[in-house]
Amino acid sequence: MAERKPPGMSFESWIEKQIREAEERGEFDNLPGAGKPLSNLDRPWLTTYAEREGLSLEAALPEPLLLRKEVERLPDTVAGLRTEDEVRRTAHELNLRIARWIRSGVGPRVHVAPVDVDEVVADWKAACPTPVRPERTPDVPRPSEPRARWWRRRRRRS
């Protein structure tokens, strides 16, 4: 366990003393990378950290900027969808997330407007030459007269 800094001694001189004593004991010998130059000093630390950990740099962005990026990528996202319902659902879910962020009032105030679902669908239809239409389910015929509730049927009997 490290000893406590003695009173009256500056932190800098106390730390230098500890480093010097550790070097004399040989605690810095045979460390991995000893004698090699430090790498990636010319790159931002966040970039190297994200690459090392296998993370996306988008994880460091605030919510409104992430939403803006999703709005920009929405045409590419819906291009792979097969039906108009899927396109509408995707745009609607994005609008719900945008509305949730606007209502939260948290974070930097960056303007993010909801997308026009009909416009997204129109662009998708223009880009997709033959959109797949969902198959219609046959309509089940409804009875002409709704079935009477149990208390009405009971009254009729008496």
N, C-alpha and C. Protein backbone atom coordinates (compact mmCIF):
# COMPACT_ATOMS: atom_id res chain seq x y z
N MET A 1 0.84 -1.18 0.00
CA MET A 1 0.00 0.00 0.00
C MET A 1 0.89 1.24 0.00
N ALA A 2 0.48 2.23 -0.74
CA ALA A 2 1.27 3.46 -0.83
C ALA A 2 1.20 4.23 0.48
N GLU A 3 2.31 4.81 0.78
CA GLU A 3 2.34 5.61 2.00
C GLU A 3 1.69 6.96 1.76
N ARG A 4 1.33 7.60 2.84
CA ARG A 4 0.68 8.91 2.72
C ARG A 4 1.73 10.00 2.54
N LYS A 5 1.34 11.06 1.90
CA LYS A 5 2.24 12.19 1.68
C LYS A 5 2.52 12.85 3.03
N PRO A 6 3.80 13.01 3.33
CA PRO A 6 4.11 13.69 4.60
C PRO A 6 3.73 15.16 4.56
N PRO A 7 3.29 15.71 5.67
CA PRO A 7 2.93 17.12 5.68
C PRO A 7 4.17 17.99 5.42
N GLY A 8 3.94 19.07 4.73
CA GLY A 8 5.03 20.00 4.45
C GLY A 8 5.77 19.68 3.17
N MET A 9 5.52 18.53 2.55
CA MET A 9 6.19 18.16 1.31
C MET A 9 5.21 18.38 0.16
N SER A 10 5.68 18.95 -0.95
CA SER A 10 4.78 19.20 -2.07
C SER A 10 4.47 17.87 -2.77
N PHE A 11 3.31 17.85 -3.44
CA PHE A 11 2.91 16.63 -4.14
C PHE A 11 3.92 16.25 -5.21
N GLU A 12 4.43 17.26 -5.93
CA GLU A 12 5.36 16.98 -7.02
C GLU A 12 6.62 16.30 -6.52
N SER A 13 7.21 16.83 -5.46
CA SER A 13 8.45 16.23 -4.95
C SER A 13 8.16 14.86 -4.33
N TRP A 14 7.01 14.67 -3.72
CA TRP A 14 6.67 13.38 -3.12
C TRP A 14 6.49 12.31 -4.20
N ILE A 15 5.82 12.68 -5.32
CA ILE A 15 5.62 11.73 -6.42
C ILE A 15 6.95 11.42 -7.09
N GLU A 16 7.79 12.45 -7.30
CA GLU A 16 9.11 12.22 -7.90
C GLU A 16 9.92 11.27 -7.03
N LYS A 17 9.83 11.40 -5.74
CA LYS A 17 10.56 10.53 -4.80
C LYS A 17 10.07 9.10 -4.94
N GLN A 18 8.76 8.90 -5.05
CA GLN A 18 8.22 7.55 -5.19
C GLN A 18 8.66 6.91 -6.51
N ILE A 19 8.67 7.69 -7.60
CA ILE A 19 9.10 7.16 -8.90
C ILE A 19 10.58 6.79 -8.84
N ARG A 20 11.40 7.64 -8.25
CA ARG A 20 12.84 7.36 -8.14
C ARG A 20 13.08 6.09 -7.34
N GLU A 21 12.38 5.91 -6.22
CA GLU A 21 12.55 4.71 -5.40
C GLU A 21 12.09 3.46 -6.14
N ALA A 22 11.00 3.55 -6.93
CA ALA A 22 10.52 2.41 -7.70
C ALA A 22 11.52 2.04 -8.79
N GLU A 23 12.15 3.04 -9.42
CA GLU A 23 13.18 2.75 -10.42
C GLU A 23 14.37 2.06 -9.78
N GLU A 24 14.77 2.48 -8.59
CA GLU A 24 15.89 1.86 -7.89
C GLU A 24 15.58 0.41 -7.53
N ARG A 25 14.33 0.12 -7.19
CA ARG A 25 13.93 -1.26 -6.87
C ARG A 25 13.79 -2.11 -8.13
N GLY A 26 13.74 -1.49 -9.32
CA GLY A 26 13.62 -2.23 -10.58
C GLY A 26 12.20 -2.58 -10.95
N GLU A 27 11.23 -1.86 -10.44
CA GLU A 27 9.83 -2.18 -10.73
C GLU A 27 9.41 -1.79 -12.14
N PHE A 28 10.22 -0.96 -12.83
CA PHE A 28 9.88 -0.57 -14.19
C PHE A 28 10.63 -1.40 -15.23
N ASP A 29 11.45 -2.35 -14.78
CA ASP A 29 12.19 -3.20 -15.72
C ASP A 29 11.26 -4.27 -16.29
N ASN A 30 11.51 -4.67 -17.52
CA ASN A 30 10.78 -5.75 -18.20
C ASN A 30 9.28 -5.49 -18.35
N LEU A 31 8.91 -4.27 -18.50
CA LEU A 31 7.51 -3.95 -18.78
C LEU A 31 7.24 -4.16 -20.27
N PRO A 32 6.01 -4.55 -20.66
CA PRO A 32 5.74 -4.70 -22.09
C PRO A 32 5.85 -3.35 -22.79
N GLY A 33 6.52 -3.34 -23.91
CA GLY A 33 6.69 -2.11 -24.67
C GLY A 33 7.85 -1.26 -24.18
N ALA A 34 8.68 -1.79 -23.27
CA ALA A 34 9.81 -1.02 -22.75
C ALA A 34 10.81 -0.76 -23.87
N GLY A 35 11.27 0.47 -23.98
CA GLY A 35 12.24 0.84 -24.99
C GLY A 35 11.63 1.11 -26.35
N LYS A 36 10.33 0.96 -26.50
CA LYS A 36 9.68 1.21 -27.79
C LYS A 36 8.99 2.57 -27.74
N PRO A 37 8.91 3.26 -28.89
CA PRO A 37 8.23 4.56 -28.88
C PRO A 37 6.73 4.39 -28.69
N LEU A 38 6.11 5.37 -28.11
CA LEU A 38 4.67 5.35 -27.93
C LEU A 38 4.00 5.54 -29.29
N SER A 39 2.95 4.76 -29.54
CA SER A 39 2.27 4.84 -30.83
C SER A 39 0.98 5.65 -30.72
N ASN A 40 0.48 6.07 -31.87
CA ASN A 40 -0.79 6.78 -31.98
C ASN A 40 -0.83 8.10 -31.22
N LEU A 41 0.30 8.75 -31.06
CA LEU A 41 0.28 10.04 -30.38
C LEU A 41 -0.26 11.15 -31.27
N ASP A 42 -0.27 10.90 -32.58
CA ASP A 42 -0.75 11.92 -33.50
C ASP A 42 -2.27 11.83 -33.72
N ARG A 43 -2.92 10.80 -33.15
CA ARG A 43 -4.37 10.62 -33.32
C ARG A 43 -5.09 10.96 -32.03
N PRO A 44 -6.35 11.40 -32.12
CA PRO A 44 -7.11 11.70 -30.90
C PRO A 44 -7.30 10.44 -30.05
N TRP A 45 -7.27 10.60 -28.75
CA TRP A 45 -7.36 9.45 -27.86
C TRP A 45 -8.69 8.73 -27.99
N LEU A 46 -9.76 9.47 -28.27
CA LEU A 46 -11.07 8.84 -28.37
C LEU A 46 -11.13 7.88 -29.56
N THR A 47 -10.48 8.26 -30.66
CA THR A 47 -10.46 7.40 -31.84
C THR A 47 -9.72 6.11 -31.55
N THR A 48 -8.56 6.22 -30.93
CA THR A 48 -7.79 5.01 -30.64
C THR A 48 -8.50 4.14 -29.61
N TYR A 49 -9.13 4.75 -28.63
CA TYR A 49 -9.87 3.98 -27.62
C TYR A 49 -11.04 3.23 -28.27
N ALA A 50 -11.78 3.90 -29.15
CA ALA A 50 -12.93 3.27 -29.79
C ALA A 50 -12.49 2.11 -30.67
N GLU A 51 -11.39 2.27 -31.39
CA GLU A 51 -10.89 1.17 -32.22
C GLU A 51 -10.43 0.00 -31.36
N ARG A 52 -9.72 0.29 -30.29
CA ARG A 52 -9.20 -0.77 -29.41
C ARG A 52 -10.34 -1.56 -28.76
N GLU A 53 -11.41 -0.87 -28.38
CA GLU A 53 -12.53 -1.52 -27.70
C GLU A 53 -13.58 -2.03 -28.67
N GLY A 54 -13.42 -1.74 -29.96
CA GLY A 54 -14.39 -2.19 -30.95
C GLY A 54 -15.71 -1.43 -30.88
N LEU A 55 -15.64 -0.16 -30.54
CA LEU A 55 -16.84 0.67 -30.40
C LEU A 55 -17.00 1.58 -31.61
N SER A 56 -18.20 2.08 -31.79
CA SER A 56 -18.45 3.08 -32.81
C SER A 56 -18.32 4.46 -32.18
N LEU A 57 -17.77 5.40 -32.93
CA LEU A 57 -17.63 6.76 -32.40
C LEU A 57 -18.98 7.43 -32.24
N GLU A 58 -20.01 6.90 -32.90
CA GLU A 58 -21.34 7.48 -32.74
C GLU A 58 -21.86 7.32 -31.32
N ALA A 59 -21.33 6.36 -30.59
CA ALA A 59 -21.77 6.17 -29.21
C ALA A 59 -21.42 7.37 -28.34
N ALA A 60 -20.44 8.17 -28.77
CA ALA A 60 -20.03 9.33 -27.99
C ALA A 60 -20.84 10.58 -28.34
N LEU A 61 -21.67 10.50 -29.36
CA LEU A 61 -22.46 11.68 -29.76
C LEU A 61 -23.66 11.88 -28.85
N PRO A 62 -24.08 13.13 -28.66
CA PRO A 62 -25.31 13.37 -27.91
C PRO A 62 -26.53 12.92 -28.72
N GLU A 63 -27.62 12.69 -28.02
CA GLU A 63 -28.84 12.14 -28.63
C GLU A 63 -29.35 12.93 -29.84
N PRO A 64 -29.40 14.27 -29.80
CA PRO A 64 -29.93 14.96 -30.98
C PRO A 64 -29.06 14.77 -32.23
N LEU A 65 -27.76 14.66 -32.06
CA LEU A 65 -26.91 14.45 -33.22
C LEU A 65 -27.07 13.03 -33.76
N LEU A 66 -27.28 12.07 -32.87
CA LEU A 66 -27.56 10.70 -33.33
C LEU A 66 -28.87 10.66 -34.13
N LEU A 67 -29.87 11.38 -33.64
CA LEU A 67 -31.15 11.42 -34.35
C LEU A 67 -31.00 12.09 -35.71
N ARG A 68 -30.21 13.15 -35.77
CA ARG A 68 -29.98 13.82 -37.06
C ARG A 68 -29.31 12.88 -38.05
N LYS A 69 -28.34 12.10 -37.56
CA LYS A 69 -27.66 11.14 -38.44
C LYS A 69 -28.65 10.09 -38.94
N GLU A 70 -29.56 9.65 -38.07
CA GLU A 70 -30.56 8.67 -38.49
C GLU A 70 -31.51 9.26 -39.52
N VAL A 71 -31.87 10.54 -39.37
CA VAL A 71 -32.73 11.19 -40.36
C VAL A 71 -32.01 11.24 -41.70
N GLU A 72 -30.72 11.56 -41.68
CA GLU A 72 -29.95 11.60 -42.93
C GLU A 72 -29.85 10.22 -43.58
N ARG A 73 -29.72 9.18 -42.77
CA ARG A 73 -29.57 7.82 -43.30
C ARG A 73 -30.90 7.12 -43.57
N LEU A 74 -32.00 7.77 -43.28
CA LEU A 74 -33.31 7.12 -43.43
C LEU A 74 -33.58 6.61 -44.85
N PRO A 75 -33.27 7.36 -45.91
CA PRO A 75 -33.51 6.80 -47.26
C PRO A 75 -32.73 5.51 -47.51
N ASP A 76 -31.49 5.44 -47.02
CA ASP A 76 -30.72 4.20 -47.18
C ASP A 76 -31.29 3.08 -46.33
N THR A 77 -31.80 3.44 -45.15
CA THR A 77 -32.36 2.43 -44.26
C THR A 77 -33.62 1.81 -44.84
N VAL A 78 -34.51 2.64 -45.38
CA VAL A 78 -35.77 2.12 -45.91
C VAL A 78 -35.60 1.49 -47.29
N ALA A 79 -34.47 1.73 -47.95
CA ALA A 79 -34.26 1.17 -49.30
C ALA A 79 -34.29 -0.35 -49.27
N GLY A 80 -33.86 -0.95 -48.17
CA GLY A 80 -33.83 -2.40 -48.09
C GLY A 80 -35.13 -3.01 -47.61
N LEU A 81 -36.13 -2.20 -47.29
CA LEU A 81 -37.40 -2.73 -46.80
C LEU A 81 -38.27 -3.16 -47.97
N ARG A 82 -39.18 -4.11 -47.70
CA ARG A 82 -39.95 -4.70 -48.79
C ARG A 82 -41.35 -4.13 -48.95
N THR A 83 -41.96 -3.71 -47.86
CA THR A 83 -43.35 -3.26 -47.97
C THR A 83 -43.49 -1.82 -47.50
N GLU A 84 -44.57 -1.22 -47.95
CA GLU A 84 -44.86 0.16 -47.56
C GLU A 84 -45.12 0.25 -46.06
N ASP A 85 -45.75 -0.78 -45.50
CA ASP A 85 -46.02 -0.77 -44.05
C ASP A 85 -44.72 -0.74 -43.25
N GLU A 86 -43.71 -1.49 -43.70
CA GLU A 86 -42.42 -1.48 -43.00
C GLU A 86 -41.77 -0.11 -43.08
N VAL A 87 -41.88 0.54 -44.23
CA VAL A 87 -41.30 1.87 -44.40
C VAL A 87 -42.01 2.86 -43.48
N ARG A 88 -43.33 2.80 -43.48
CA ARG A 88 -44.10 3.70 -42.60
C ARG A 88 -43.76 3.45 -41.13
N ARG A 89 -43.66 2.20 -40.74
CA ARG A 89 -43.36 1.86 -39.35
C ARG A 89 -41.98 2.38 -38.95
N THR A 90 -40.98 2.23 -39.83
CA THR A 90 -39.63 2.70 -39.54
C THR A 90 -39.60 4.22 -39.37
N ALA A 91 -40.25 4.94 -40.28
CA ALA A 91 -40.29 6.41 -40.18
C ALA A 91 -41.06 6.85 -38.94
N HIS A 92 -42.14 6.15 -38.64
CA HIS A 92 -42.95 6.50 -37.47
C HIS A 92 -42.16 6.27 -36.18
N GLU A 93 -41.42 5.17 -36.10
CA GLU A 93 -40.61 4.91 -34.90
C GLU A 93 -39.54 5.98 -34.71
N LEU A 94 -38.93 6.42 -35.82
CA LEU A 94 -37.95 7.49 -35.73
C LEU A 94 -38.62 8.78 -35.24
N ASN A 95 -39.80 9.08 -35.74
CA ASN A 95 -40.53 10.27 -35.28
C ASN A 95 -40.87 10.18 -33.80
N LEU A 96 -41.22 9.00 -33.33
CA LEU A 96 -41.51 8.84 -31.90
C LEU A 96 -40.28 9.12 -31.05
N ARG A 97 -39.11 8.64 -31.50
CA ARG A 97 -37.87 8.89 -30.76
C ARG A 97 -37.51 10.37 -30.78
N ILE A 98 -37.74 11.03 -31.93
CA ILE A 98 -37.47 12.47 -32.01
C ILE A 98 -38.40 13.23 -31.06
N ALA A 99 -39.68 12.88 -31.05
CA ALA A 99 -40.64 13.54 -30.16
C ALA A 99 -40.29 13.30 -28.69
N ARG A 100 -39.85 12.10 -28.37
CA ARG A 100 -39.47 11.78 -26.99
C ARG A 100 -38.28 12.65 -26.56
N TRP A 101 -37.30 12.84 -27.47
CA TRP A 101 -36.15 13.67 -27.13
C TRP A 101 -36.57 15.13 -26.98
N ILE A 102 -37.41 15.61 -27.86
CA ILE A 102 -37.85 17.02 -27.79
C ILE A 102 -38.57 17.28 -26.46
N ARG A 103 -39.41 16.32 -26.05
CA ARG A 103 -40.14 16.48 -24.79
C ARG A 103 -39.25 16.37 -23.57
N SER A 104 -38.13 15.66 -23.68
CA SER A 104 -37.28 15.44 -22.51
C SER A 104 -36.64 16.73 -22.01
N GLY A 105 -36.26 17.63 -22.94
CA GLY A 105 -35.63 18.88 -22.53
C GLY A 105 -34.23 18.70 -21.99
N VAL A 106 -33.60 17.56 -22.27
CA VAL A 106 -32.26 17.26 -21.77
C VAL A 106 -31.27 17.37 -22.92
N GLY A 107 -30.07 17.81 -22.61
CA GLY A 107 -29.01 17.83 -23.61
C GLY A 107 -28.96 19.14 -24.37
N PRO A 108 -28.03 19.20 -25.32
CA PRO A 108 -27.89 20.44 -26.09
C PRO A 108 -29.10 20.67 -26.98
N ARG A 109 -29.46 21.91 -27.15
CA ARG A 109 -30.63 22.26 -27.96
C ARG A 109 -30.21 22.30 -29.43
N VAL A 110 -30.35 21.18 -30.09
CA VAL A 110 -30.06 21.07 -31.50
C VAL A 110 -31.39 20.81 -32.20
N HIS A 111 -31.65 21.56 -33.27
CA HIS A 111 -32.93 21.43 -33.96
C HIS A 111 -32.99 20.10 -34.70
N VAL A 112 -33.96 19.27 -34.33
CA VAL A 112 -34.21 18.01 -35.01
C VAL A 112 -35.71 17.97 -35.29
N ALA A 113 -36.08 17.97 -36.55
CA ALA A 113 -37.49 17.97 -36.91
C ALA A 113 -37.92 16.56 -37.27
N PRO A 114 -39.16 16.20 -36.94
CA PRO A 114 -39.67 14.90 -37.36
C PRO A 114 -39.72 14.80 -38.89
N VAL A 115 -39.63 13.58 -39.39
CA VAL A 115 -39.67 13.37 -40.84
C VAL A 115 -41.11 13.25 -41.30
N ASP A 116 -41.34 13.60 -42.55
CA ASP A 116 -42.66 13.47 -43.15
C ASP A 116 -42.78 12.03 -43.67
N VAL A 117 -43.63 11.24 -43.04
CA VAL A 117 -43.74 9.82 -43.36
C VAL A 117 -44.20 9.63 -44.80
N ASP A 118 -45.16 10.43 -45.24
CA ASP A 118 -45.66 10.29 -46.61
C ASP A 118 -44.57 10.61 -47.63
N GLU A 119 -43.73 11.58 -47.33
CA GLU A 119 -42.64 11.93 -48.23
C GLU A 119 -41.61 10.80 -48.29
N VAL A 120 -41.32 10.18 -47.13
CA VAL A 120 -40.39 9.06 -47.10
C VAL A 120 -40.94 7.91 -47.94
N VAL A 121 -42.24 7.64 -47.81
CA VAL A 121 -42.87 6.57 -48.58
C VAL A 121 -42.83 6.89 -50.07
N ALA A 122 -43.09 8.15 -50.44
CA ALA A 122 -43.07 8.53 -51.85
C ALA A 122 -41.66 8.38 -52.43
N ASP A 123 -40.64 8.78 -51.67
CA ASP A 123 -39.27 8.61 -52.13
C ASP A 123 -38.91 7.13 -52.25
N TRP A 124 -39.39 6.33 -51.31
CA TRP A 124 -39.14 4.89 -51.35
C TRP A 124 -39.79 4.26 -52.58
N LYS A 125 -41.03 4.68 -52.86
CA LYS A 125 -41.72 4.14 -54.04
C LYS A 125 -41.00 4.55 -55.33
N ALA A 126 -40.49 5.78 -55.36
CA ALA A 126 -39.78 6.24 -56.56
C ALA A 126 -38.47 5.47 -56.75
N ALA A 127 -37.82 5.12 -55.65
CA ALA A 127 -36.54 4.41 -55.75
C ALA A 127 -36.74 2.92 -55.99
N CYS A 128 -37.83 2.38 -55.52
CA CYS A 128 -38.12 0.94 -55.65
C CYS A 128 -39.10 0.77 -56.81
N PRO A 129 -38.68 0.17 -57.94
CA PRO A 129 -39.57 0.12 -59.10
C PRO A 129 -40.83 -0.71 -58.88
N THR A 130 -40.74 -1.81 -58.20
CA THR A 130 -41.93 -2.64 -57.96
C THR A 130 -42.03 -2.97 -56.48
N PRO A 131 -42.63 -2.10 -55.71
CA PRO A 131 -42.77 -2.39 -54.28
C PRO A 131 -43.68 -3.59 -54.06
N VAL A 132 -43.36 -4.35 -53.06
CA VAL A 132 -44.16 -5.53 -52.72
C VAL A 132 -45.35 -5.07 -51.90
N ARG A 133 -46.50 -5.37 -52.38
CA ARG A 133 -47.73 -5.01 -51.67
C ARG A 133 -48.11 -6.17 -50.75
N PRO A 134 -48.58 -5.87 -49.55
CA PRO A 134 -49.00 -6.95 -48.67
C PRO A 134 -50.24 -7.62 -49.23
N GLU A 135 -50.27 -8.95 -49.07
CA GLU A 135 -51.43 -9.69 -49.56
C GLU A 135 -52.63 -9.36 -48.70
N ARG A 136 -53.76 -9.19 -49.36
CA ARG A 136 -54.99 -8.89 -48.62
C ARG A 136 -55.55 -10.18 -48.07
N THR A 137 -55.97 -10.10 -46.85
CA THR A 137 -56.63 -11.25 -46.25
C THR A 137 -58.10 -11.19 -46.64
N PRO A 138 -58.70 -12.32 -46.92
CA PRO A 138 -60.11 -12.28 -47.30
C PRO A 138 -60.94 -11.74 -46.15
N ASP A 139 -61.89 -10.90 -46.52
CA ASP A 139 -62.75 -10.31 -45.50
C ASP A 139 -63.70 -11.37 -44.97
N VAL A 140 -63.80 -11.41 -43.66
CA VAL A 140 -64.72 -12.35 -43.02
C VAL A 140 -66.08 -11.68 -42.97
N PRO A 141 -67.10 -12.33 -43.50
CA PRO A 141 -68.42 -11.69 -43.46
C PRO A 141 -68.91 -11.53 -42.03
N ARG A 142 -69.41 -10.37 -41.74
CA ARG A 142 -69.92 -10.09 -40.40
C ARG A 142 -71.40 -10.42 -40.38
N PRO A 143 -71.89 -10.91 -39.28
CA PRO A 143 -73.31 -11.19 -39.20
C PRO A 143 -74.11 -9.90 -39.36
N SER A 144 -75.26 -10.02 -40.01
CA SER A 144 -76.06 -8.83 -40.28
C SER A 144 -76.60 -8.21 -39.00
N GLU A 145 -76.94 -9.04 -38.03
CA GLU A 145 -77.46 -8.52 -36.77
C GLU A 145 -76.52 -8.96 -35.65
N PRO A 146 -76.02 -8.03 -34.87
CA PRO A 146 -75.12 -8.44 -33.79
C PRO A 146 -75.86 -9.31 -32.79
N ARG A 147 -75.12 -10.20 -32.21
CA ARG A 147 -75.70 -11.13 -31.26
C ARG A 147 -76.12 -10.37 -30.00
N ALA A 148 -77.30 -10.67 -29.50
CA ALA A 148 -77.83 -9.96 -28.32
C ALA A 148 -77.05 -10.39 -27.08
N ARG A 149 -76.90 -9.47 -26.18
CA ARG A 149 -76.21 -9.77 -24.93
C ARG A 149 -77.04 -10.74 -24.11
N TRP A 150 -76.41 -11.38 -23.15
CA TRP A 150 -77.07 -12.44 -22.40
C TRP A 150 -78.29 -11.95 -21.65
N TRP A 151 -78.23 -10.70 -21.13
CA TRP A 151 -79.40 -10.23 -20.35
C TRP A 151 -80.59 -9.92 -21.26
N ARG A 152 -80.31 -9.54 -22.49
CA ARG A 152 -81.41 -9.30 -23.42
C ARG A 152 -82.05 -10.62 -23.83
N ARG A 153 -81.23 -11.62 -24.06
CA ARG A 153 -81.78 -12.93 -24.42
C ARG A 153 -82.62 -13.49 -23.29
N ARG A 154 -82.18 -13.24 -22.07
CA ARG A 154 -82.92 -13.76 -20.92
C ARG A 154 -84.28 -13.07 -20.81
N ARG A 155 -84.33 -11.76 -21.09
CA ARG A 155 -85.60 -11.04 -21.01
C ARG A 155 -86.58 -11.57 -22.06
N ARG A 156 -86.08 -11.91 -23.21
CA ARG A 156 -86.96 -12.40 -24.28
C ARG A 156 -87.62 -13.70 -23.89
N ARG A 157 -86.94 -14.53 -23.14
CA ARG A 157 -87.48 -15.83 -22.73
C ARG A 157 -88.65 -15.68 -21.77
N SER A 158 -88.61 -14.68 -20.92
CA SER A 158 -89.67 -14.55 -19.93
C SER A 158 -90.87 -13.81 -20.41
